[in-house]
Amino acid sequence: MNIVVCVKYVPDAQADRTFNASDNTTDRENVDGLLSELDEYAVEAALKIVEAGEGEVTVLTVGPDQAADAIKKALQMGAHKGVHVKDDAIHGSDAPATSLVLAEAIKKLTADSPADLVITGMASTDGTMGVVPAMLAERLGLPAVTYAAELTVDGGTATIRRDGDVSTQTIEATLPALVSVTDQINEPRYPSFKGIMAAKKKPVEQWSLADLGLDAAQVGLDASWTKVDSFAARPPRAQGTIVTDEGDGGEKLAAFLAERKFI
């Protein structure tokens, strides 16, 4: 089983995230970053499939120098090798451009050994769009089964369980296929000391746009379909209102909520 997992390096949600004033893109250099939490579930799902049989898990990311940390974490978890697509021209790419780079990287990566599965998280924790998996599947010509809360592979078939608000769906796809997974699918493992040490010897390739046969004009901020027009810092939290209950606390609370149209 040959599995490719797409992961993303994102700003830490606990840090003070902001945008670059020069072009309104997400500031990824002046804030701590990490492997997107939702992508850890994708890595874990791939590892479980391989450990149940045999095969190899390759982790693919697109991003600046720091994005190598996302690959490093996945290798420490147990992935076998990594590919980092890094090119200054990619800066500012939106979802369609990102899916293009990922698709060409996967084509190059699997030219000699086709992938049985491409696995992604349900969305990134910075953009939270959730559209890249479907776009990527379209570019690769693969069936897409998305938002998997459970994933099993039997022979040439991948089966997922997708949980909705009022129902559960069971969906099958013939391999090769692309699967996006939710945070309900598993509990990602913590890298062991053995895994951390082993990761240092695992191969990681770095590719540019030229290596993928892509022109810089196809990606980046200028080629993006969507852009951030403006941004503003979140205002400081206002001081709360203290209501003294003198037997009419309920009435005061109801009036407060009604005034703000909460009730």
Protein backbone atom coordinates (compact mmCIF):
# COMPACT_ATOMS: atom_id res chain seq x y z
CA MET A 1 0.00 0.00 0.00
CA ASN A 2 1.53 3.27 -1.17
CA ILE A 3 -0.02 6.24 0.67
CA VAL A 4 0.65 9.96 0.25
CA VAL A 5 -0.46 12.26 3.08
CA CYS A 6 -0.73 15.99 2.41
CA VAL A 7 0.04 18.12 5.45
CA LYS A 8 0.33 21.82 6.17
CA TYR A 9 2.50 23.97 8.41
CA VAL A 10 0.23 26.50 10.12
CA PRO A 11 0.60 29.30 12.69
CA ASP A 12 0.04 28.11 16.25
CA ALA A 13 -3.58 28.81 17.19
CA GLN A 14 -2.40 29.79 20.68
CA ALA A 15 -0.08 32.49 19.31
CA ASP A 16 -0.95 36.03 18.26
CA ARG A 17 -1.65 35.48 14.59
CA THR A 18 -1.69 38.35 12.13
CA PHE A 19 -1.24 39.33 8.49
CA ASN A 20 1.61 40.90 6.56
CA ALA A 21 0.90 44.60 6.08
CA SER A 22 2.63 44.56 2.68
CA ASP A 23 0.25 42.16 0.91
CA ASN A 24 -2.40 41.09 3.47
CA THR A 25 -1.20 37.48 3.49
CA THR A 26 -0.90 35.38 6.62
CA ASP A 27 2.30 36.11 8.56
CA ARG A 28 4.04 32.75 8.81
CA GLU A 29 7.52 33.94 9.71
CA ASN A 30 7.01 36.01 12.85
CA VAL A 31 4.83 33.53 14.69
CA ASP A 32 5.44 30.01 15.96
CA GLY A 33 4.08 27.30 13.68
CA LEU A 34 3.41 23.58 13.75
CA LEU A 35 1.90 20.67 11.87
CA SER A 36 -1.80 21.39 11.48
CA GLU A 37 -3.63 19.46 14.17
CA LEU A 38 -6.23 18.23 11.70
CA ASP A 39 -3.47 16.79 9.53
CA GLU A 40 -2.17 14.68 12.42
CA TYR A 41 -5.34 12.60 12.08
CA ALA A 42 -4.54 12.02 8.42
CA VAL A 43 -1.01 10.87 9.24
CA GLU A 44 -2.33 8.54 11.93
CA ALA A 45 -4.94 7.08 9.57
CA ALA A 46 -2.25 6.31 6.98
CA LEU A 47 0.05 4.73 9.55
CA LYS A 48 -2.71 2.45 10.86
CA ILE A 49 -3.46 1.18 7.35
CA VAL A 50 0.19 0.44 6.62
CA GLU A 51 0.78 -1.16 10.02
CA ALA A 52 -2.17 -3.49 9.44
CA GLY A 53 -0.52 -4.79 6.27
CA GLU A 54 2.50 -3.41 4.52
CA GLY A 55 3.47 -0.35 2.54
CA GLU A 56 4.91 3.12 2.80
CA VAL A 57 3.66 6.52 3.92
CA THR A 58 5.04 9.61 2.21
CA VAL A 59 4.29 13.03 3.67
CA LEU A 60 3.97 15.98 1.29
CA THR A 61 3.88 19.67 2.22
CA VAL A 62 4.03 23.00 0.39
CA GLY A 63 5.41 26.03 2.18
CA PRO A 64 8.38 28.11 3.34
CA ASP A 65 11.49 26.87 5.13
CA GLN A 66 9.63 26.41 8.42
CA ALA A 67 7.21 23.98 6.77
CA ALA A 68 9.93 21.36 7.10
CA ASP A 69 8.86 21.13 10.76
CA ALA A 70 5.50 19.70 9.67
CA ILE A 71 7.27 16.93 7.78
CA LYS A 72 9.58 16.35 10.73
CA LYS A 73 6.64 15.80 13.09
CA ALA A 74 5.00 13.36 10.69
CA LEU A 75 8.25 11.41 10.28
CA GLN A 76 8.60 11.25 14.06
CA MET A 77 5.10 9.78 14.22
CA GLY A 78 6.19 7.02 11.84
CA ALA A 79 5.90 8.21 8.22
CA HIS A 80 8.66 6.80 6.01
CA LYS A 81 9.76 9.80 3.93
CA GLY A 82 8.86 13.36 3.10
CA VAL A 83 8.69 15.82 0.21
CA HIS A 84 8.82 19.58 0.74
CA VAL A 85 7.80 21.83 -2.16
CA LYS A 86 9.44 25.18 -1.50
CA ASP A 87 9.55 28.14 -3.84
CA ASP A 88 9.27 31.86 -3.11
CA ALA A 89 6.83 32.21 -6.00
CA ILE A 90 4.26 30.06 -4.11
CA HIS A 91 3.77 32.77 -1.48
CA GLY A 92 0.18 33.96 -1.37
CA SER A 93 -1.28 31.02 -3.30
CA ASP A 94 -4.97 30.35 -2.66
CA ALA A 95 -6.74 26.98 -2.62
CA PRO A 96 -6.83 26.41 -6.43
CA ALA A 97 -3.13 27.26 -6.79
CA THR A 98 -2.21 25.13 -3.77
CA SER A 99 -4.13 22.17 -5.16
CA LEU A 100 -2.27 22.59 -8.45
CA VAL A 101 1.13 22.43 -6.75
CA LEU A 102 0.09 19.44 -4.64
CA ALA A 103 -1.29 17.61 -7.69
CA GLU A 104 1.88 18.07 -9.74
CA ALA A 105 4.02 17.02 -6.77
CA ILE A 106 1.97 13.85 -6.31
CA LYS A 107 2.23 13.06 -10.02
CA LYS A 108 6.00 13.40 -9.85
CA LEU A 109 6.20 11.48 -6.59
CA THR A 110 4.13 8.56 -7.88
CA ALA A 111 5.40 8.41 -11.46
CA ASP A 112 7.19 5.12 -10.85
CA SER A 113 5.00 3.77 -8.05
CA PRO A 114 1.36 4.92 -8.22
CA ALA A 115 -0.32 5.87 -4.94
CA ASP A 116 -3.15 3.67 -3.70
CA LEU A 117 -4.41 6.41 -1.39
CA VAL A 118 -4.00 10.13 -0.96
CA ILE A 119 -5.10 11.19 2.52
CA THR A 120 -5.65 14.71 3.82
CA GLY A 121 -7.12 16.39 6.85
CA MET A 122 -10.64 17.80 6.56
CA ALA A 123 -9.29 21.38 6.47
CA SER A 124 -6.33 23.44 7.59
CA THR A 125 -6.53 25.16 10.97
CA ASP A 126 -5.52 28.53 9.52
CA GLY A 127 -7.62 28.90 6.34
CA THR A 128 -10.30 26.34 7.40
CA MET A 129 -11.70 26.28 3.85
CA GLY A 130 -11.85 22.50 3.43
CA VAL A 131 -11.95 22.66 -0.38
CA VAL A 132 -8.39 21.60 -1.27
CA PRO A 133 -9.08 17.82 -0.97
CA ALA A 134 -11.87 17.96 -3.57
CA MET A 135 -9.84 20.23 -5.87
CA LEU A 136 -6.85 17.93 -5.55
CA ALA A 137 -8.91 14.84 -6.36
CA GLU A 138 -10.29 16.56 -9.45
CA ARG A 139 -6.81 17.45 -10.70
CA LEU A 140 -5.58 13.89 -10.10
CA GLY A 141 -8.66 12.27 -11.62
CA LEU A 142 -9.37 10.35 -8.41
CA PRO A 143 -12.66 9.61 -6.66
CA ALA A 144 -12.94 11.72 -3.49
CA VAL A 145 -14.53 10.43 -0.30
CA THR A 146 -14.43 13.24 2.22
CA TYR A 147 -15.03 13.89 5.93
CA ALA A 148 -14.30 10.33 6.99
CA ALA A 149 -14.93 9.59 10.66
CA GLU A 150 -13.90 6.00 9.95
CA LEU A 151 -11.77 4.51 7.18
CA THR A 152 -11.17 0.91 6.19
CA VAL A 153 -9.36 -0.51 3.19
CA ASP A 154 -10.19 -3.97 1.93
CA GLY A 155 -8.51 -5.12 -1.25
CA GLY A 156 -9.14 -2.48 -3.87
CA THR A 157 -11.89 -0.65 -2.00
CA ALA A 158 -11.81 2.17 0.54
CA THR A 159 -14.87 2.51 2.76
CA ILE A 160 -15.60 5.51 4.95
CA ARG A 161 -18.23 6.47 7.49
CA ARG A 162 -19.31 10.10 7.26
CA ASP A 163 -21.24 11.44 10.24
CA GLY A 164 -23.80 14.17 9.58
CA ASP A 165 -26.04 16.09 11.96
CA VAL A 166 -28.96 13.71 11.56
CA SER A 167 -27.58 10.70 9.72
CA THR A 168 -24.53 8.57 8.99
CA GLN A 169 -23.40 7.66 5.48
CA THR A 170 -21.28 4.71 4.38
CA ILE A 171 -19.40 5.49 1.17
CA GLU A 172 -17.15 3.25 -0.93
CA ALA A 173 -14.56 4.18 -3.51
CA THR A 174 -12.40 2.06 -5.76
CA LEU A 175 -8.68 2.55 -5.25
CA PRO A 176 -6.77 4.65 -6.07
CA ALA A 177 -8.76 7.32 -4.24
CA LEU A 178 -8.46 10.46 -2.15
CA VAL A 179 -9.82 10.49 1.39
CA SER A 180 -10.12 13.43 3.77
CA VAL A 181 -10.54 12.57 7.45
CA THR A 182 -12.09 14.37 10.41
CA ASP A 183 -10.84 14.70 13.97
CA GLN A 184 -13.22 11.88 14.99
CA ILE A 185 -11.36 9.17 13.11
CA ASN A 186 -8.62 8.37 15.63
CA GLU A 187 -6.33 9.65 18.35
CA PRO A 188 -2.97 10.68 16.81
CA ARG A 189 0.03 9.12 18.50
CA TYR A 190 2.73 11.08 20.26
CA PRO A 191 6.20 10.62 18.75
CA SER A 192 8.24 8.22 20.84
CA PHE A 193 11.92 8.74 21.59
CA LYS A 194 12.67 5.94 19.14
CA GLY A 195 10.52 7.65 16.51
CA ILE A 196 12.21 11.00 17.07
CA MET A 197 15.66 9.48 16.61
CA ALA A 198 14.62 7.41 13.60
CA ALA A 199 13.15 10.48 11.88
CA LYS A 200 16.61 12.03 11.64
CA LYS A 201 17.66 9.34 9.15
CA LYS A 202 14.53 9.35 6.99
CA PRO A 203 14.83 10.93 3.52
CA VAL A 204 13.25 14.31 2.77
CA GLU A 205 13.36 15.72 -0.75
CA GLN A 206 12.94 19.40 -1.56
CA TRP A 207 11.41 20.42 -4.88
CA SER A 208 10.89 23.76 -6.57
CA LEU A 209 8.23 24.79 -9.08
CA ALA A 210 10.71 24.08 -11.87
CA ASP A 211 11.07 20.52 -10.62
CA LEU A 212 7.31 20.14 -11.03
CA GLY A 213 7.20 21.73 -14.48
CA LEU A 214 5.13 24.67 -13.20
CA ASP A 215 5.51 28.32 -14.14
CA ALA A 216 5.59 30.94 -11.38
CA ALA A 217 2.74 32.76 -13.14
CA GLN A 218 0.43 29.84 -12.34
CA VAL A 219 0.71 30.30 -8.58
CA GLY A 220 1.28 32.98 -5.98
CA LEU A 221 -0.76 35.99 -4.97
CA ASP A 222 -1.12 37.43 -8.46
CA ALA A 223 -2.57 34.17 -9.78
CA SER A 224 -4.92 33.63 -6.84
CA TRP A 225 -8.68 33.85 -7.32
CA THR A 226 -9.17 35.13 -3.78
CA LYS A 227 -7.32 37.80 -1.79
CA VAL A 228 -7.68 39.55 1.55
CA ASP A 229 -8.66 43.17 0.85
CA SER A 230 -8.09 44.48 4.36
CA PHE A 231 -7.70 43.39 7.95
CA ALA A 232 -7.87 44.96 11.39
CA ALA A 233 -6.72 43.86 14.81
CA ARG A 234 -9.40 42.42 17.05
CA PRO A 235 -10.56 45.12 19.51
CA PRO A 236 -9.70 44.60 23.17
CA ARG A 237 -12.27 42.79 25.23
CA ALA A 238 -14.69 45.24 26.82
CA GLN A 239 -15.33 45.20 30.53
CA GLY A 240 -18.37 43.17 31.49
CA THR A 241 -21.54 44.46 33.09
CA ILE A 242 -22.16 43.59 36.74
CA VAL A 243 -25.80 43.21 37.68
CA THR A 244 -26.68 43.50 41.36
CA ASP A 245 -29.53 41.18 42.15
CA GLU A 246 -31.99 42.90 44.43
CA GLY A 247 -34.79 40.54 43.63
CA ASP A 248 -35.05 41.74 40.06
CA GLY A 249 -31.89 40.12 38.68
CA GLY A 250 -33.84 37.96 36.26
CA GLU A 251 -35.65 40.96 34.81
CA LYS A 252 -32.39 42.88 34.40
CA LEU A 253 -30.74 39.90 32.69
CA ALA A 254 -33.69 39.48 30.33
CA ALA A 255 -33.63 43.20 29.50
CA PHE A 256 -29.88 43.03 28.84
CA LEU A 257 -30.31 40.10 26.42
CA ALA A 258 -33.34 41.61 24.73
CA GLU A 259 -31.52 44.90 24.16
CA ARG A 260 -28.82 43.04 22.26
CA LYS A 261 -31.42 40.93 20.44
CA PHE A 262 -30.18 37.65 21.93
CA ILE A 263 -33.76 36.83 22.89
